[in-house]
Structure formats: structure tokens, C-alpha cells
Amino acid sequence: MLSIKKDLQFSYNFKKSIYFEDILIRDYVFKGYTITYKIEEKDDLVLVLGIIKNKNTY
């Protein structure tokens, strides 16, 4: 968990989500999981929207 928390401090380093059109929603791939999160700029927050095991899971 610490690795994910540390990596998400640089939230713009990860690719735009393939599941959403919003550029503030990003995908972070970690150990076979895709963590989809939204960047809230005004509150300086990263909100986790979902954790997906593979791209066929919705």
C-alpha cells in the first residue's frame, strides 16, 4: 500500500484512463491490477474510483 501511496503523489505521471473521457481520470497499473483514480486539483486530492483485475472486468 505504501508503494501505491508514494507513486500517486505524482498523479499526472500515469496515462489517461481508457474507461473514461475525462483527462483528470487516470489509470495506474500495479501488480496486475488497474487502479482508476480522479485528480481533484482544487482540493489537492486523488480519489480512487475503482480497482480492476483485468480490462474485461466492469
Protein backbone atom coordinates (compact mmCIF):
# COMPACT_ATOMS: atom_id res chain seq x y z
CA MET A 1 0.00 0.00 0.00
CA LEU A 2 2.86 2.38 0.72
CA SER A 3 4.21 1.93 -2.80
CA ILE A 4 0.86 2.93 -4.32
CA LYS A 5 0.54 5.90 -1.99
CA LYS A 6 4.06 7.05 -2.86
CA ASP A 7 3.52 6.64 -6.62
CA LEU A 8 0.23 8.55 -6.61
CA GLN A 9 1.98 11.63 -5.22
CA PHE A 10 2.96 12.18 -8.86
CA SER A 11 -0.53 11.51 -10.18
CA TYR A 12 -0.04 13.09 -13.62
CA ASN A 13 2.73 10.61 -14.49
CA PHE A 14 0.21 7.91 -15.38
CA LYS A 15 -1.82 7.51 -18.56
CA LYS A 16 -5.29 8.88 -19.17
CA SER A 17 -7.95 6.30 -18.35
CA ILE A 18 -9.15 4.01 -21.10
CA TYR A 19 -12.50 3.76 -19.29
CA PHE A 20 -13.36 7.49 -19.14
CA GLU A 21 -13.02 10.52 -21.44
CA ASP A 22 -12.02 12.98 -18.67
CA ILE A 23 -8.30 13.85 -18.71
CA LEU A 24 -8.28 14.11 -14.91
CA ILE A 25 -9.19 10.42 -14.60
CA ARG A 26 -6.09 8.25 -14.83
CA ASP A 27 -5.17 4.54 -14.77
CA TYR A 28 -2.37 3.23 -12.59
CA VAL A 29 -1.30 -0.37 -13.27
CA PHE A 30 0.18 -2.16 -10.25
CA LYS A 31 0.85 -5.92 -9.93
CA GLY A 32 -1.81 -6.91 -12.48
CA TYR A 33 -4.45 -4.51 -11.18
CA THR A 34 -5.63 -1.29 -12.78
CA ILE A 35 -6.42 1.41 -10.25
CA THR A 36 -8.61 4.11 -11.78
CA TYR A 37 -8.46 7.43 -9.96
CA LYS A 38 -9.58 11.02 -10.38
CA ILE A 39 -7.40 14.03 -9.67
CA GLU A 40 -9.18 16.77 -7.70
CA GLU A 41 -6.92 19.76 -8.35
CA LYS A 42 -8.67 22.35 -6.19
CA ASP A 43 -8.65 20.11 -3.09
CA ASP A 44 -5.23 18.53 -3.88
CA LEU A 45 -6.75 15.02 -3.65
CA VAL A 46 -6.59 11.74 -5.52
CA LEU A 47 -9.89 9.83 -5.38
CA VAL A 48 -9.79 6.11 -6.18
CA LEU A 49 -12.76 5.25 -8.41
CA GLY A 50 -12.14 1.55 -8.80
CA ILE A 51 -9.74 -1.35 -8.76
CA ILE A 52 -9.96 -3.68 -11.75
CA LYS A 53 -8.23 -7.06 -12.06
CA ASN A 54 -8.20 -7.05 -15.86
CA LYS A 55 -9.63 -4.94 -18.66
CA ASN A 56 -12.62 -7.26 -19.22
CA THR A 57 -13.98 -6.61 -15.70
CA TYR A 58 -16.50 -3.78 -15.45
